[in-house]
Amino acid sequence: MQIITYSPAYTIVPTYECFNRCSYCNFRVDPGMDKWMTIDRLSQILTNLQTKNICEILILSGEVHPQSSRRQAWLDRIYNLCELALELGFLPHTNVGPLSFLEMEKLARVNVSMGLMLEALDLSLLQGVHRHAPSKLPALRLEQLDWAGKLKIPFTTGLLLGIGESTSDWEVSLQAISNLHDRWGHIQEVILQPYSPGSQENLRGLGFDITKLPQVIRLARQILPLDITIQIPPNLIPNPDLLLACLTAGARDLGGIVPKDEVNPDYHHLELTTLSALLTSAGWELRPRLPVYPPYQHYLSAPLIAKIDAMRSKYLNII
């Protein structure tokens, strides 16, 4: 059987507030309209998770403006949340929007991997869905991927499909990711995420034509180096046959299987046993993995590697 991986994960949101206003977003609230996650609250959550077969703590946050007087407090809160997760035996993966070089360097000390979606390089989106989203500038996001390479951070990025980009942009964006990986060798996975309309957004679009997802996966597999894994979100794929077609096309990871998809809260994951049975019946074996892939572990500090080794000792079948 060929192996398909997933991450046993739980999502922590330091804050939903965000200064961007992407018209497809089902996540954000206006700045100042949300209470931040406290360390005490996270301690309660993580203590309850210690018997739940969770290895990854995904830190996913709205963005505080880089010039805000609250920016440093926001960054410190994220750092402290990651630090606590490590202390309690979990492996943090942080995706909180663009960071300064020094901010990224700091968070890398308490994360086994980090991420930022490239989404698309199509500049026309700056007059469309990203019109009120300053941090979605393509050059800014490419810079983030480059900095992650310089800092030797095992990194996840990806494309958001069906938000108004041209189909030719898929190739352009994938090639840009490939070029950065060729330079630094740090991109462990690329997510191909179909835009799926939700109940809280302003766009009210039709969404991505999901039947085209295998086509995009095949394109990605042609462009990306083989050591980059292609990830797809199974809760956004509406039927089993299409999911299996995506695997046949080259996808090999299903991302974090979480109790709630914070980015797409209207779309729920199948029960893990149901998903595993579906894949087994088609000749695939579903296996858990850590948030850092084995070939990228050597980039990390000795203390982080020790945390990874402890997790592997706890879950003997994990990749």
Protein backbone atom coordinates (compact mmCIF):
# COMPACT_ATOMS: atom_id res chain seq x y z
CA MET A 1 0.00 0.00 0.00
CA GLN A 2 1.11 3.57 -0.70
CA ILE A 3 1.16 5.85 2.32
CA ILE A 4 -0.98 8.96 2.72
CA THR A 5 -0.12 11.11 5.73
CA TYR A 6 -1.97 13.49 8.00
CA SER A 7 -1.11 15.44 11.12
CA PRO A 8 -3.01 14.75 14.36
CA ALA A 9 -3.45 18.43 15.15
CA TYR A 10 -5.31 20.95 17.25
CA THR A 11 -5.66 24.61 16.27
CA ILE A 12 -5.03 27.43 18.70
CA VAL A 13 -6.06 30.96 17.69
CA PRO A 14 -4.29 33.71 19.69
CA THR A 15 -6.71 36.23 18.17
CA TYR A 16 -9.19 36.42 15.30
CA GLU A 17 -8.66 40.14 14.86
CA CYS A 18 -7.00 41.09 11.58
CA PHE A 19 -6.25 44.36 9.83
CA ASN A 20 -6.66 42.70 6.41
CA ARG A 21 -10.15 42.43 4.93
CA CYS A 22 -9.97 39.66 2.32
CA SER A 23 -13.45 39.34 0.88
CA TYR A 24 -13.39 35.52 1.02
CA CYS A 25 -12.42 35.34 4.71
CA ASN A 26 -14.53 33.37 7.20
CA PHE A 27 -12.03 33.83 10.02
CA ARG A 28 -11.35 37.48 10.90
CA VAL A 29 -12.96 40.02 13.19
CA ASP A 30 -12.18 43.73 13.27
CA PRO A 31 -9.14 44.90 15.28
CA GLY A 32 -9.97 45.38 18.95
CA MET A 33 -13.09 43.18 18.76
CA ASP A 34 -11.58 39.97 20.12
CA LYS A 35 -10.07 38.82 23.40
CA TRP A 36 -6.65 37.26 23.00
CA MET A 37 -5.94 33.68 24.03
CA THR A 38 -4.45 33.64 27.52
CA ILE A 39 -1.64 31.41 28.71
CA ASP A 40 -3.89 30.02 31.46
CA ARG A 41 -6.58 29.11 28.92
CA LEU A 42 -4.04 27.39 26.67
CA SER A 43 -2.69 25.46 29.65
CA GLN A 44 -6.19 24.14 30.32
CA ILE A 45 -6.68 23.15 26.68
CA LEU A 46 -3.31 21.42 26.34
CA THR A 47 -3.69 19.55 29.61
CA ASN A 48 -6.97 18.12 28.32
CA LEU A 49 -5.29 17.19 25.01
CA GLN A 50 -2.47 15.18 26.57
CA THR A 51 -4.52 11.97 26.34
CA LYS A 52 -6.02 12.71 22.90
CA ASN A 53 -3.26 11.52 20.50
CA ILE A 54 -2.52 15.07 19.39
CA CYS A 55 1.03 15.90 18.32
CA GLU A 56 0.78 19.23 16.45
CA ILE A 57 -0.42 22.51 17.90
CA LEU A 58 -1.22 24.75 14.95
CA ILE A 59 -0.93 28.39 15.98
CA LEU A 60 -3.14 30.28 13.52
CA SER A 61 -3.75 33.98 14.08
CA GLY A 62 -5.24 37.04 12.58
CA GLU A 63 -2.73 39.79 11.91
CA VAL A 64 -2.00 42.80 14.10
CA HIS A 65 -0.73 45.67 11.94
CA PRO A 66 3.09 45.88 11.82
CA GLN A 67 2.93 49.51 13.02
CA SER A 68 0.42 48.85 15.81
CA SER A 69 1.46 49.59 19.39
CA ARG A 70 0.13 46.10 20.20
CA ARG A 71 2.33 44.28 17.69
CA GLN A 72 5.09 43.35 20.16
CA ALA A 73 2.56 42.10 22.71
CA TRP A 74 0.94 40.00 19.99
CA LEU A 75 4.24 38.46 18.97
CA ASP A 76 5.20 37.79 22.59
CA ARG A 77 1.85 36.09 23.17
CA ILE A 78 2.39 33.80 20.19
CA TYR A 79 5.93 33.00 21.37
CA ASN A 80 4.69 32.19 24.87
CA LEU A 81 1.90 29.98 23.54
CA CYS A 82 4.41 28.01 21.46
CA GLU A 83 6.80 27.76 24.39
CA LEU A 84 4.06 26.35 26.62
CA ALA A 85 3.03 23.84 23.95
CA LEU A 86 6.62 22.57 23.80
CA GLU A 87 6.83 22.36 27.59
CA LEU A 88 3.67 20.23 27.71
CA GLY A 89 4.93 17.80 25.08
CA PHE A 90 3.42 19.11 21.85
CA LEU A 91 5.06 20.32 18.62
CA PRO A 92 4.06 23.84 17.50
CA HIS A 93 3.61 24.94 13.90
CA THR A 94 2.92 28.67 13.50
CA ASN A 95 1.15 30.45 10.63
CA VAL A 96 0.30 34.02 11.63
CA GLY A 97 0.85 36.09 8.50
CA PRO A 98 3.93 38.01 7.33
CA LEU A 99 6.60 38.68 9.92
CA SER A 100 9.70 40.81 10.07
CA PHE A 101 12.97 38.90 9.73
CA LEU A 102 13.63 39.26 13.46
CA GLU A 103 10.08 38.17 14.34
CA MET A 104 10.43 35.09 12.18
CA GLU A 105 13.83 34.33 13.69
CA LYS A 106 12.38 34.56 17.20
CA LEU A 107 9.39 32.30 16.53
CA ALA A 108 11.62 29.75 14.81
CA ARG A 109 13.18 29.02 18.20
CA VAL A 110 9.90 27.56 19.48
CA ASN A 111 8.48 25.96 16.33
CA VAL A 112 9.43 22.74 14.56
CA SER A 113 7.97 24.18 11.34
CA MET A 114 6.21 27.33 10.18
CA GLY A 115 4.03 28.36 7.27
CA LEU A 116 2.50 31.07 5.13
CA MET A 117 0.27 30.63 2.12
CA LEU A 118 1.56 32.30 -1.02
CA GLU A 119 -2.06 32.12 -2.30
CA ALA A 120 -1.38 33.58 -5.78
CA LEU A 121 0.97 35.97 -7.55
CA ASP A 122 -1.70 37.40 -9.87
CA LEU A 123 -1.50 41.18 -9.35
CA SER A 124 -5.10 41.65 -10.48
CA LEU A 125 -6.18 40.26 -7.09
CA LEU A 126 -4.97 43.51 -5.52
CA GLN A 127 -7.96 45.15 -7.23
CA GLY A 128 -10.23 42.24 -6.32
CA VAL A 129 -10.34 40.00 -3.26
CA HIS A 130 -7.13 41.50 -1.83
CA ARG A 131 -8.07 45.13 -2.39
CA HIS A 132 -8.22 45.74 1.37
CA ALA A 133 -5.49 43.30 2.34
CA PRO A 134 -2.07 45.03 2.45
CA SER A 135 -0.22 41.93 3.63
CA LYS A 136 -1.29 39.97 0.55
CA LEU A 137 1.20 41.76 -1.69
CA PRO A 138 2.89 38.97 -3.72
CA ALA A 139 6.38 40.44 -3.30
CA LEU A 140 5.93 40.55 0.48
CA ARG A 141 4.88 36.92 0.64
CA LEU A 142 7.70 35.77 -1.62
CA GLU A 143 10.08 37.62 0.67
CA GLN A 144 8.69 35.63 3.61
CA LEU A 145 9.42 32.34 1.86
CA ASP A 146 12.93 33.55 1.07
CA TRP A 147 13.59 34.60 4.67
CA ALA A 148 12.35 31.25 5.92
CA GLY A 149 14.95 29.64 3.68
CA LYS A 150 17.72 31.87 5.01
CA LEU A 151 16.68 30.96 8.56
CA LYS A 152 16.50 27.23 7.70
CA ILE A 153 12.88 26.90 8.82
CA PRO A 154 11.01 23.80 7.59
CA PHE A 155 8.23 25.59 5.79
CA THR A 156 4.73 25.06 4.43
CA THR A 157 3.18 27.27 1.77
CA GLY A 158 0.48 26.86 -0.83
CA LEU A 159 -2.01 28.20 -3.35
CA LEU A 160 -5.57 29.32 -2.73
CA LEU A 161 -7.47 28.27 -5.84
CA GLY A 162 -10.46 30.02 -7.33
CA ILE A 163 -10.25 33.52 -5.82
CA GLY A 164 -10.07 35.29 -9.18
CA GLU A 165 -6.57 34.35 -10.26
CA SER A 166 -5.91 33.34 -13.84
CA THR A 167 -5.32 29.65 -14.50
CA SER A 168 -1.87 30.56 -15.83
CA ASP A 169 -1.05 31.94 -12.38
CA TRP A 170 -1.07 28.40 -10.98
CA GLU A 171 2.03 27.61 -13.03
CA VAL A 172 3.69 30.95 -12.24
CA SER A 173 3.09 30.61 -8.50
CA LEU A 174 4.20 26.99 -8.34
CA GLN A 175 7.36 27.81 -10.30
CA ALA A 176 8.16 30.64 -7.86
CA ILE A 177 7.84 28.21 -4.95
CA SER A 178 10.01 25.69 -6.77
CA ASN A 179 12.70 28.31 -7.41
CA LEU A 180 12.87 29.27 -3.75
CA HIS A 181 13.09 25.63 -2.72
CA ASP A 182 15.88 25.07 -5.23
CA ARG A 183 17.74 27.93 -3.57
CA TRP A 184 17.24 26.96 0.08
CA GLY A 185 15.77 23.44 0.24
CA HIS A 186 13.33 24.32 3.03
CA ILE A 187 9.80 23.93 1.66
CA GLN A 188 8.46 20.62 2.94
CA GLU A 189 4.92 20.80 1.61
CA VAL A 190 2.65 22.82 -0.67
CA ILE A 191 -1.07 23.03 0.06
CA LEU A 192 -3.48 23.22 -2.85
CA GLN A 193 -6.55 24.68 -1.17
CA PRO A 194 -9.76 25.17 -3.14
CA TYR A 195 -11.67 28.32 -2.22
CA SER A 196 -14.89 27.07 -0.65
CA PRO A 197 -17.61 29.65 0.07
CA GLY A 198 -18.54 30.09 3.71
CA SER A 199 -21.34 31.69 5.67
CA GLN A 200 -19.29 34.55 7.16
CA GLU A 201 -17.59 36.00 4.06
CA ASN A 202 -18.40 38.99 1.86
CA LEU A 203 -17.38 37.55 -1.50
CA ARG A 204 -20.36 35.26 -2.05
CA GLY A 205 -18.55 33.69 -4.96
CA LEU A 206 -19.17 30.33 -6.53
CA GLY A 207 -15.92 28.86 -5.31
CA PHE A 208 -13.33 26.81 -7.10
CA ASP A 209 -14.47 24.20 -9.63
CA ILE A 210 -13.42 21.27 -7.48
CA THR A 211 -13.38 18.88 -10.43
CA LYS A 212 -10.24 20.73 -11.63
CA LEU A 213 -8.28 19.92 -8.48
CA PRO A 214 -6.64 16.76 -9.90
CA GLN A 215 -5.51 18.87 -12.87
CA VAL A 216 -3.83 21.39 -10.56
CA ILE A 217 -2.24 18.58 -8.55
CA ARG A 218 -0.76 17.05 -11.69
CA LEU A 219 0.60 20.47 -12.69
CA ALA A 220 2.12 20.91 -9.24
CA ARG A 221 3.70 17.48 -9.35
CA GLN A 222 5.29 18.34 -12.70
CA ILE A 223 6.73 21.65 -11.45
CA LEU A 224 7.65 21.05 -7.81
CA PRO A 225 10.70 19.05 -6.76
CA LEU A 226 9.83 15.54 -5.63
CA ASP A 227 10.92 16.24 -2.05
CA ILE A 228 8.05 18.71 -1.66
CA THR A 229 4.87 16.91 -0.61
CA ILE A 230 1.55 18.05 -2.08
CA GLN A 231 -1.15 18.50 0.54
CA ILE A 232 -4.92 18.73 0.01
CA PRO A 233 -7.66 19.40 2.59
CA PRO A 234 -10.07 16.43 2.52
CA ASN A 235 -12.93 18.34 4.17
CA LEU A 236 -13.09 20.63 1.12
CA ILE A 237 -13.40 17.73 -1.34
CA PRO A 238 -17.07 16.74 -1.55
CA ASN A 239 -16.98 13.11 -2.61
CA PRO A 240 -14.76 10.05 -2.09
CA ASP A 241 -14.12 9.39 -5.78
CA LEU A 242 -12.70 12.88 -6.26
CA LEU A 243 -10.53 12.53 -3.17
CA LEU A 244 -9.09 9.31 -4.55
CA ALA A 245 -8.56 10.97 -7.94
CA CYS A 246 -6.53 13.69 -6.19
CA LEU A 247 -4.32 11.05 -4.60
CA THR A 248 -3.83 9.32 -7.93
CA ALA A 249 -2.84 12.71 -9.40
CA GLY A 250 -0.02 13.07 -6.86
CA ALA A 251 -1.30 14.42 -3.53
CA ARG A 252 0.22 12.56 -0.60
CA ASP A 253 -0.83 14.46 2.53
CA LEU A 254 -4.17 15.49 4.03
CA GLY A 255 -2.90 18.15 6.40
CA GLY A 256 -4.10 18.59 9.95
CA ILE A 257 -7.18 16.55 10.79
CA VAL A 258 -8.63 18.89 13.41
CA PRO A 259 -11.85 19.13 15.44
CA LYS A 260 -12.63 22.45 13.71
CA ASP A 261 -11.24 23.94 10.53
CA GLU A 262 -10.85 27.54 11.68
CA VAL A 263 -10.32 28.87 8.15
CA ASN A 264 -13.28 26.95 6.69
CA PRO A 265 -15.60 26.49 9.70
CA ASP A 266 -18.55 25.40 7.52
CA TYR A 267 -16.65 22.32 6.29
CA HIS A 268 -16.11 19.47 8.71
CA HIS A 269 -13.65 16.61 8.54
CA LEU A 270 -14.74 13.00 8.28
CA GLU A 271 -14.17 10.86 11.34
CA LEU A 272 -10.63 9.54 11.17
CA THR A 273 -11.78 5.92 11.19
CA THR A 274 -14.14 6.60 8.27
CA LEU A 275 -11.43 8.36 6.28
CA SER A 276 -8.92 5.59 6.99
CA ALA A 277 -11.39 2.89 5.91
CA LEU A 278 -12.11 4.75 2.67
CA LEU A 279 -8.42 4.98 1.82
CA THR A 280 -7.66 1.39 2.83
CA SER A 281 -10.42 0.10 0.56
CA ALA A 282 -8.73 1.90 -2.36
CA GLY A 283 -5.24 0.63 -1.57
CA TRP A 284 -3.88 3.57 0.44
CA GLU A 285 -2.61 3.48 4.02
CA LEU A 286 -3.35 6.50 6.21
CA ARG A 287 -0.49 7.25 8.62
CA PRO A 288 0.03 10.05 11.15
CA ARG A 289 3.04 12.34 10.78
CA LEU A 290 4.75 15.05 12.75
CA PRO A 291 4.51 18.73 11.68
CA VAL A 292 8.13 18.52 10.51
CA TYR A 293 8.93 15.96 7.81
CA PRO A 294 11.94 13.71 8.59
CA PRO A 295 14.21 15.06 5.78
CA TYR A 296 13.86 18.59 7.21
CA GLN A 297 14.45 17.80 10.87
CA HIS A 298 18.20 18.44 10.63
CA TYR A 299 17.54 22.18 10.17
CA LEU A 300 16.30 22.44 13.76
CA SER A 301 18.08 23.19 17.01
CA ALA A 302 19.11 20.41 19.39
CA PRO A 303 16.35 21.25 21.93
CA LEU A 304 13.67 21.03 19.23
CA ILE A 305 15.08 17.76 17.89
CA ALA A 306 14.92 16.37 21.43
CA LYS A 307 11.20 17.26 21.57
CA ILE A 308 10.67 15.51 18.23
CA ASP A 309 12.50 12.40 19.41
CA ALA A 310 10.31 12.33 22.52
CA MET A 311 7.19 12.50 20.36
CA ARG A 312 8.43 9.65 18.16
CA SER A 313 9.01 7.55 21.29
CA LYS A 314 5.44 8.25 22.39
CA TYR A 315 3.83 7.42 19.02
CA LEU A 316 5.86 4.60 17.51
CA ASN A 317 3.98 4.47 14.19
CA ILE A 318 4.25 8.19 13.46
CA ILE A 319 6.20 9.42 10.45
